[in-house]
Amino acid sequence: MKEVGMLNGAIDSALNRQGHMDLMMVVDAGFPCPDEVELIDIALTEGVPSVMDVLTELKRFHSVEKVVMAADTKEHNPTHFAKVAAVFGPKVEVEVISHVELKQRSYDAKTIIRTGDFTAWGNVMLVSGAGDRWKLEKV
């Protein structure tokens, strides 16, 4: 029985399939997920788990080079915007696009993780990065 790392098998598998520049989304309970994109639905009840819960755990196991959020998040939910940016730190770029564009770009995601979150403008797109080990000179 697996006791360490990402315990959710579907999320673990999705992380293993992510390549550099691939997209993954963590969305609220109401996000319109495209049928063409793998959906991992982990919503249990209102607020469980939250987008922030999932992002915090993904950060532990996944290299992210860019976070993408809607301009509406920054304008209407600046606390959530700041919390998301803080999870990934100052080295990770935060791109702001329109909510419409975020929905359109969801069709390009490899995986969407749906949470039980009801946070307004809480949806986040992650652009997979190449971790530091790829940038080191080999001896």
N, C-alpha and C. Protein backbone atom coordinates (compact mmCIF):
# COMPACT_ATOMS: atom_id res chain seq x y z
N MET A 1 0.84 -1.18 0.00
CA MET A 1 0.00 0.00 0.00
C MET A 1 0.89 1.24 0.00
N LYS A 2 0.61 2.17 -0.90
CA LYS A 2 1.38 3.41 -0.99
C LYS A 2 1.07 4.29 0.22
N GLU A 3 2.13 4.79 0.87
CA GLU A 3 1.95 5.60 2.07
C GLU A 3 2.58 6.98 1.96
N VAL A 4 3.30 7.26 0.89
CA VAL A 4 3.94 8.57 0.73
C VAL A 4 3.68 9.09 -0.68
N GLY A 5 3.89 10.38 -0.86
CA GLY A 5 3.69 10.98 -2.16
C GLY A 5 2.22 11.27 -2.41
N MET A 6 1.87 11.44 -3.65
CA MET A 6 0.48 11.71 -4.02
C MET A 6 -0.30 10.41 -3.90
N LEU A 7 -1.23 10.37 -2.98
CA LEU A 7 -1.99 9.14 -2.72
C LEU A 7 -3.14 8.95 -3.69
N ASN A 8 -3.67 10.01 -4.26
CA ASN A 8 -4.75 9.88 -5.23
C ASN A 8 -4.16 9.32 -6.53
N GLY A 9 -4.56 8.11 -6.87
CA GLY A 9 -3.99 7.42 -8.03
C GLY A 9 -4.20 8.15 -9.34
N ALA A 10 -5.38 8.72 -9.54
CA ALA A 10 -5.66 9.42 -10.79
C ALA A 10 -4.81 10.67 -10.92
N ILE A 11 -4.66 11.42 -9.83
CA ILE A 11 -3.83 12.63 -9.88
C ILE A 11 -2.36 12.25 -10.04
N ASP A 12 -1.91 11.22 -9.35
CA ASP A 12 -0.53 10.75 -9.48
C ASP A 12 -0.24 10.37 -10.92
N SER A 13 -1.15 9.65 -11.55
CA SER A 13 -0.99 9.25 -12.94
C SER A 13 -0.96 10.47 -13.86
N ALA A 14 -1.85 11.42 -13.61
CA ALA A 14 -1.88 12.64 -14.43
C ALA A 14 -0.57 13.42 -14.31
N LEU A 15 -0.04 13.51 -13.10
CA LEU A 15 1.24 14.21 -12.91
C LEU A 15 2.36 13.50 -13.67
N ASN A 16 2.34 12.18 -13.67
CA ASN A 16 3.37 11.42 -14.39
C ASN A 16 3.31 11.64 -15.89
N ARG A 17 2.14 11.97 -16.42
CA ARG A 17 1.98 12.19 -17.86
C ARG A 17 2.28 13.63 -18.28
N GLN A 18 2.39 14.53 -17.34
CA GLN A 18 2.65 15.94 -17.68
C GLN A 18 4.08 16.10 -18.20
N GLY A 19 4.20 16.79 -19.31
CA GLY A 19 5.51 17.14 -19.84
C GLY A 19 5.71 18.64 -19.74
N HIS A 20 6.89 19.09 -20.09
CA HIS A 20 7.21 20.51 -20.04
C HIS A 20 6.22 21.29 -20.92
N MET A 21 5.62 22.31 -20.35
CA MET A 21 4.66 23.20 -21.00
C MET A 21 3.23 22.64 -21.08
N ASP A 22 3.00 21.41 -20.61
CA ASP A 22 1.64 20.88 -20.59
C ASP A 22 0.81 21.64 -19.56
N LEU A 23 -0.49 21.67 -19.79
CA LEU A 23 -1.41 22.40 -18.93
C LEU A 23 -2.22 21.46 -18.05
N MET A 24 -2.41 21.88 -16.81
CA MET A 24 -3.27 21.20 -15.85
C MET A 24 -4.08 22.29 -15.16
N MET A 25 -5.35 22.02 -14.90
CA MET A 25 -6.17 23.01 -14.20
C MET A 25 -6.70 22.44 -12.90
N VAL A 26 -6.84 23.33 -11.92
CA VAL A 26 -7.52 23.02 -10.67
C VAL A 26 -8.67 24.00 -10.60
N VAL A 27 -9.90 23.47 -10.57
CA VAL A 27 -11.07 24.34 -10.74
C VAL A 27 -12.09 24.13 -9.63
N ASP A 28 -12.99 25.10 -9.55
CA ASP A 28 -14.07 25.03 -8.56
C ASP A 28 -15.17 24.08 -9.02
N ALA A 29 -16.15 23.90 -8.17
CA ALA A 29 -17.22 22.93 -8.42
C ALA A 29 -18.08 23.27 -9.63
N GLY A 30 -18.10 24.53 -10.04
CA GLY A 30 -18.98 24.94 -11.12
C GLY A 30 -18.32 25.15 -12.46
N PHE A 31 -17.02 24.90 -12.57
CA PHE A 31 -16.32 25.16 -13.83
C PHE A 31 -16.83 24.24 -14.94
N PRO A 32 -17.11 24.80 -16.14
CA PRO A 32 -17.59 23.98 -17.25
C PRO A 32 -16.45 23.21 -17.91
N CYS A 33 -16.21 22.00 -17.48
CA CYS A 33 -15.09 21.20 -17.98
C CYS A 33 -15.41 20.61 -19.35
N PRO A 34 -14.52 20.81 -20.33
CA PRO A 34 -14.75 20.25 -21.66
C PRO A 34 -14.77 18.72 -21.62
N ASP A 35 -15.66 18.13 -22.40
CA ASP A 35 -15.76 16.67 -22.45
C ASP A 35 -14.48 16.02 -22.98
N GLU A 36 -13.72 16.76 -23.80
CA GLU A 36 -12.54 16.21 -24.45
C GLU A 36 -11.33 16.11 -23.52
N VAL A 37 -11.40 16.72 -22.35
CA VAL A 37 -10.26 16.78 -21.44
C VAL A 37 -10.49 15.82 -20.28
N GLU A 38 -9.43 15.13 -19.86
CA GLU A 38 -9.53 14.24 -18.71
C GLU A 38 -9.97 15.03 -17.49
N LEU A 39 -11.04 14.58 -16.86
CA LEU A 39 -11.55 15.22 -15.65
C LEU A 39 -11.33 14.28 -14.47
N ILE A 40 -10.65 14.79 -13.45
CA ILE A 40 -10.51 14.07 -12.19
C ILE A 40 -11.37 14.83 -11.19
N ASP A 41 -12.50 14.26 -10.84
CA ASP A 41 -13.46 14.93 -9.97
C ASP A 41 -13.25 14.44 -8.54
N ILE A 42 -12.70 15.33 -7.71
CA ILE A 42 -12.45 14.96 -6.31
C ILE A 42 -13.35 15.75 -5.36
N ALA A 43 -14.38 16.40 -5.91
CA ALA A 43 -15.31 17.16 -5.07
C ALA A 43 -16.06 16.21 -4.15
N LEU A 44 -16.08 16.52 -2.86
CA LEU A 44 -16.81 15.71 -1.89
C LEU A 44 -18.06 16.42 -1.42
N THR A 45 -17.91 17.65 -1.02
CA THR A 45 -19.00 18.48 -0.54
C THR A 45 -18.55 19.93 -0.69
N GLU A 46 -19.42 20.87 -0.40
CA GLU A 46 -19.05 22.27 -0.57
C GLU A 46 -17.77 22.61 0.20
N GLY A 47 -16.77 23.06 -0.54
CA GLY A 47 -15.50 23.47 0.05
C GLY A 47 -14.48 22.37 0.28
N VAL A 48 -14.84 21.13 0.00
CA VAL A 48 -13.95 20.00 0.28
C VAL A 48 -13.71 19.18 -0.97
N PRO A 49 -12.46 19.07 -1.40
CA PRO A 49 -11.34 19.90 -0.98
C PRO A 49 -11.42 21.26 -1.66
N SER A 50 -10.63 22.18 -1.18
CA SER A 50 -10.57 23.50 -1.79
C SER A 50 -9.52 23.53 -2.89
N VAL A 51 -9.61 24.52 -3.76
CA VAL A 51 -8.59 24.72 -4.78
C VAL A 51 -7.23 24.88 -4.10
N MET A 52 -7.18 25.65 -3.03
CA MET A 52 -5.90 25.88 -2.33
C MET A 52 -5.33 24.60 -1.74
N ASP A 53 -6.19 23.72 -1.20
CA ASP A 53 -5.72 22.43 -0.69
C ASP A 53 -5.00 21.66 -1.79
N VAL A 54 -5.63 21.60 -2.95
CA VAL A 54 -5.08 20.83 -4.06
C VAL A 54 -3.80 21.47 -4.59
N LEU A 55 -3.80 22.79 -4.78
CA LEU A 55 -2.60 23.47 -5.27
C LEU A 55 -1.42 23.27 -4.34
N THR A 56 -1.67 23.35 -3.05
CA THR A 56 -0.59 23.18 -2.06
C THR A 56 0.05 21.81 -2.18
N GLU A 57 -0.77 20.78 -2.36
CA GLU A 57 -0.23 19.43 -2.51
C GLU A 57 0.43 19.23 -3.87
N LEU A 58 -0.17 19.75 -4.93
CA LEU A 58 0.44 19.61 -6.26
C LEU A 58 1.84 20.23 -6.27
N LYS A 59 1.99 21.36 -5.62
CA LYS A 59 3.28 22.05 -5.58
C LYS A 59 4.37 21.15 -5.00
N ARG A 60 4.01 20.29 -4.08
CA ARG A 60 4.99 19.39 -3.46
C ARG A 60 5.54 18.35 -4.44
N PHE A 61 4.74 18.00 -5.46
CA PHE A 61 5.09 16.89 -6.33
C PHE A 61 5.23 17.25 -7.81
N HIS A 62 5.07 18.53 -8.14
CA HIS A 62 5.00 18.90 -9.55
C HIS A 62 5.74 20.21 -9.79
N SER A 63 6.50 20.25 -10.87
CA SER A 63 7.22 21.46 -11.25
C SER A 63 6.30 22.35 -12.08
N VAL A 64 6.12 23.59 -11.62
CA VAL A 64 5.24 24.55 -12.29
C VAL A 64 6.08 25.76 -12.67
N GLU A 65 6.00 26.16 -13.95
CA GLU A 65 6.75 27.35 -14.35
C GLU A 65 5.87 28.58 -14.51
N LYS A 66 4.56 28.35 -14.63
CA LYS A 66 3.66 29.50 -14.75
C LYS A 66 2.30 29.14 -14.20
N VAL A 67 1.68 30.12 -13.55
CA VAL A 67 0.31 30.01 -13.05
C VAL A 67 -0.53 30.98 -13.87
N VAL A 68 -1.69 30.53 -14.32
CA VAL A 68 -2.57 31.39 -15.12
C VAL A 68 -3.90 31.53 -14.39
N MET A 69 -4.33 32.78 -14.21
CA MET A 69 -5.61 33.05 -13.56
C MET A 69 -6.34 34.14 -14.34
N ALA A 70 -7.64 34.20 -14.13
CA ALA A 70 -8.46 35.21 -14.80
C ALA A 70 -8.25 36.58 -14.16
N ALA A 71 -8.36 37.61 -14.98
CA ALA A 71 -8.27 38.99 -14.48
C ALA A 71 -9.33 39.24 -13.41
N ASP A 72 -10.48 38.58 -13.55
CA ASP A 72 -11.55 38.73 -12.56
C ASP A 72 -11.10 38.24 -11.18
N THR A 73 -10.21 37.26 -11.14
CA THR A 73 -9.70 36.78 -9.86
C THR A 73 -8.92 37.89 -9.17
N LYS A 74 -8.04 38.52 -9.93
CA LYS A 74 -7.22 39.60 -9.35
C LYS A 74 -8.09 40.77 -8.91
N GLU A 75 -9.13 41.07 -9.69
CA GLU A 75 -9.99 42.21 -9.39
C GLU A 75 -11.00 41.92 -8.28
N HIS A 76 -11.69 40.78 -8.36
CA HIS A 76 -12.80 40.49 -7.46
C HIS A 76 -12.46 39.59 -6.28
N ASN A 77 -11.33 38.89 -6.36
CA ASN A 77 -10.92 38.02 -5.26
C ASN A 77 -9.40 38.13 -5.06
N PRO A 78 -8.92 39.33 -4.73
CA PRO A 78 -7.47 39.54 -4.61
C PRO A 78 -6.81 38.69 -3.53
N THR A 79 -7.55 38.31 -2.51
CA THR A 79 -6.99 37.46 -1.45
C THR A 79 -6.63 36.09 -2.02
N HIS A 80 -7.55 35.50 -2.78
CA HIS A 80 -7.28 34.20 -3.40
C HIS A 80 -6.11 34.32 -4.39
N PHE A 81 -6.12 35.38 -5.19
CA PHE A 81 -5.06 35.62 -6.17
C PHE A 81 -3.69 35.63 -5.46
N ALA A 82 -3.61 36.37 -4.36
CA ALA A 82 -2.35 36.48 -3.62
C ALA A 82 -1.95 35.14 -2.99
N LYS A 83 -2.92 34.39 -2.47
CA LYS A 83 -2.62 33.09 -1.87
C LYS A 83 -2.07 32.11 -2.90
N VAL A 84 -2.68 32.10 -4.09
CA VAL A 84 -2.20 31.21 -5.15
C VAL A 84 -0.77 31.59 -5.53
N ALA A 85 -0.53 32.87 -5.75
CA ALA A 85 0.82 33.33 -6.11
C ALA A 85 1.82 32.96 -5.02
N ALA A 86 1.43 33.08 -3.76
CA ALA A 86 2.33 32.78 -2.64
C ALA A 86 2.68 31.30 -2.57
N VAL A 87 1.74 30.43 -2.92
CA VAL A 87 2.02 28.99 -2.89
C VAL A 87 3.20 28.66 -3.80
N PHE A 88 3.23 29.29 -4.98
CA PHE A 88 4.26 28.96 -5.96
C PHE A 88 5.50 29.85 -5.86
N GLY A 89 5.39 30.97 -5.17
CA GLY A 89 6.56 31.81 -4.91
C GLY A 89 6.92 32.75 -6.04
N PRO A 90 7.90 33.61 -5.79
CA PRO A 90 8.24 34.67 -6.73
C PRO A 90 8.93 34.20 -8.01
N LYS A 91 9.45 32.99 -8.03
CA LYS A 91 10.13 32.49 -9.24
C LYS A 91 9.15 31.98 -10.29
N VAL A 92 7.89 31.80 -9.91
CA VAL A 92 6.89 31.29 -10.84
C VAL A 92 6.07 32.47 -11.38
N GLU A 93 6.07 32.60 -12.69
CA GLU A 93 5.33 33.69 -13.34
C GLU A 93 3.83 33.51 -13.13
N VAL A 94 3.13 34.62 -12.93
CA VAL A 94 1.67 34.61 -12.86
C VAL A 94 1.15 35.39 -14.06
N GLU A 95 0.44 34.69 -14.94
CA GLU A 95 -0.15 35.31 -16.12
C GLU A 95 -1.62 35.58 -15.84
N VAL A 96 -2.09 36.74 -16.24
CA VAL A 96 -3.48 37.13 -16.04
C VAL A 96 -4.13 37.27 -17.42
N ILE A 97 -5.23 36.53 -17.61
CA ILE A 97 -5.96 36.57 -18.88
C ILE A 97 -7.44 36.75 -18.57
N SER A 98 -8.24 36.95 -19.60
CA SER A 98 -9.68 37.10 -19.37
C SER A 98 -10.29 35.76 -18.95
N HIS A 99 -11.42 35.84 -18.26
CA HIS A 99 -12.12 34.62 -17.85
C HIS A 99 -12.54 33.80 -19.08
N VAL A 100 -12.95 34.49 -20.13
CA VAL A 100 -13.35 33.82 -21.37
C VAL A 100 -12.16 33.06 -21.94
N GLU A 101 -10.99 33.69 -21.96
CA GLU A 101 -9.80 33.02 -22.49
C GLU A 101 -9.40 31.83 -21.62
N LEU A 102 -9.55 31.96 -20.30
CA LEU A 102 -9.24 30.83 -19.42
C LEU A 102 -10.12 29.63 -19.76
N LYS A 103 -11.40 29.88 -19.98
CA LYS A 103 -12.31 28.80 -20.37
C LYS A 103 -11.89 28.21 -21.72
N GLN A 104 -11.53 29.07 -22.68
CA GLN A 104 -11.11 28.58 -23.99
C GLN A 104 -9.84 27.74 -23.89
N ARG A 105 -8.89 28.20 -23.09
CA ARG A 105 -7.63 27.47 -22.95
C ARG A 105 -7.80 26.17 -22.17
N SER A 106 -8.91 26.01 -21.46
CA SER A 106 -9.15 24.76 -20.74
C SER A 106 -9.22 23.57 -21.70
N TYR A 107 -9.58 23.83 -22.96
CA TYR A 107 -9.63 22.77 -23.96
C TYR A 107 -8.23 22.22 -24.27
N ASP A 108 -7.19 23.00 -23.97
CA ASP A 108 -5.81 22.57 -24.21
C ASP A 108 -5.20 21.85 -23.02
N ALA A 109 -5.90 21.81 -21.90
CA ALA A 109 -5.36 21.15 -20.71
C ALA A 109 -5.33 19.64 -20.92
N LYS A 110 -4.32 19.00 -20.36
CA LYS A 110 -4.28 17.53 -20.36
C LYS A 110 -5.24 16.99 -19.31
N THR A 111 -5.32 17.69 -18.19
CA THR A 111 -6.13 17.23 -17.07
C THR A 111 -6.76 18.42 -16.36
N ILE A 112 -8.00 18.23 -15.91
CA ILE A 112 -8.67 19.20 -15.05
C ILE A 112 -9.05 18.48 -13.77
N ILE A 113 -8.66 19.06 -12.65
CA ILE A 113 -9.02 18.52 -11.34
C ILE A 113 -10.14 19.40 -10.78
N ARG A 114 -11.32 18.81 -10.62
CA ARG A 114 -12.48 19.54 -10.10
C ARG A 114 -12.56 19.34 -8.60
N THR A 115 -12.64 20.45 -7.88
CA THR A 115 -12.71 20.42 -6.42
C THR A 115 -14.13 20.73 -5.95
N GLY A 116 -14.33 20.73 -4.66
CA GLY A 116 -15.61 21.12 -4.08
C GLY A 116 -15.67 22.60 -3.74
N ASP A 117 -14.71 23.35 -4.23
CA ASP A 117 -14.59 24.77 -3.89
C ASP A 117 -15.70 25.61 -4.50
N PHE A 118 -16.20 26.55 -3.74
CA PHE A 118 -17.18 27.52 -4.21
C PHE A 118 -16.60 28.93 -4.20
N THR A 119 -15.27 29.04 -4.16
CA THR A 119 -14.61 30.34 -4.16
C THR A 119 -14.83 31.04 -5.48
N ALA A 120 -15.33 32.27 -5.42
CA ALA A 120 -15.57 33.03 -6.65
C ALA A 120 -14.24 33.28 -7.37
N TRP A 121 -14.23 33.03 -8.66
CA TRP A 121 -13.05 33.24 -9.51
C TRP A 121 -11.86 32.43 -8.98
N GLY A 122 -12.10 31.19 -8.58
CA GLY A 122 -11.04 30.40 -7.95
C GLY A 122 -10.26 29.49 -8.87
N ASN A 123 -10.55 29.49 -10.15
CA ASN A 123 -9.94 28.54 -11.08
C ASN A 123 -8.50 28.92 -11.42
N VAL A 124 -7.64 27.89 -11.51
CA VAL A 124 -6.21 28.12 -11.73
C VAL A 124 -5.70 27.14 -12.79
N MET A 125 -4.93 27.67 -13.73
CA MET A 125 -4.26 26.84 -14.73
C MET A 125 -2.77 26.80 -14.39
N LEU A 126 -2.20 25.62 -14.47
CA LEU A 126 -0.77 25.43 -14.20
C LEU A 126 -0.06 25.03 -15.49
N VAL A 127 1.04 25.68 -15.77
CA VAL A 127 1.89 25.31 -16.91
C VAL A 127 3.07 24.54 -16.33
N SER A 128 3.20 23.29 -16.76
CA SER A 128 4.24 22.43 -16.22
C SER A 128 5.62 22.94 -16.60
N GLY A 129 6.52 22.85 -15.64
CA GLY A 129 7.88 23.32 -15.85
C GLY A 129 8.87 22.18 -15.90
N ALA A 130 10.10 22.54 -16.16
CA ALA A 130 11.21 21.61 -16.05
C ALA A 130 11.92 21.99 -14.77
N GLY A 131 11.97 21.08 -13.83
CA GLY A 131 12.56 21.36 -12.53
C GLY A 131 14.03 21.72 -12.62
N ASP A 132 14.57 22.17 -11.51
CA ASP A 132 15.96 22.61 -11.46
C ASP A 132 16.95 21.54 -11.91
N ARG A 133 16.61 20.28 -11.69
CA ARG A 133 17.55 19.21 -12.08
C ARG A 133 17.81 19.20 -13.58
N TRP A 134 16.89 19.74 -14.39
CA TRP A 134 17.08 19.80 -15.84
C TRP A 134 18.02 20.93 -16.24
N LYS A 135 18.24 21.87 -15.35
CA LYS A 135 19.03 23.05 -15.68
C LYS A 135 20.47 22.95 -15.18
N LEU A 136 20.76 21.95 -14.42
CA LEU A 136 22.10 21.82 -13.86
C LEU A 136 23.06 21.24 -14.89
N GLU A 137 24.28 21.74 -14.85
CA GLU A 137 25.31 21.20 -15.72
C GLU A 137 25.66 19.80 -15.23
N LYS A 138 25.71 18.86 -16.14
CA LYS A 138 26.04 17.48 -15.79
C LYS A 138 27.56 17.33 -15.71
N VAL A 139 28.01 16.66 -14.68
CA VAL A 139 29.46 16.47 -14.49
C VAL A 139 29.85 15.08 -14.91
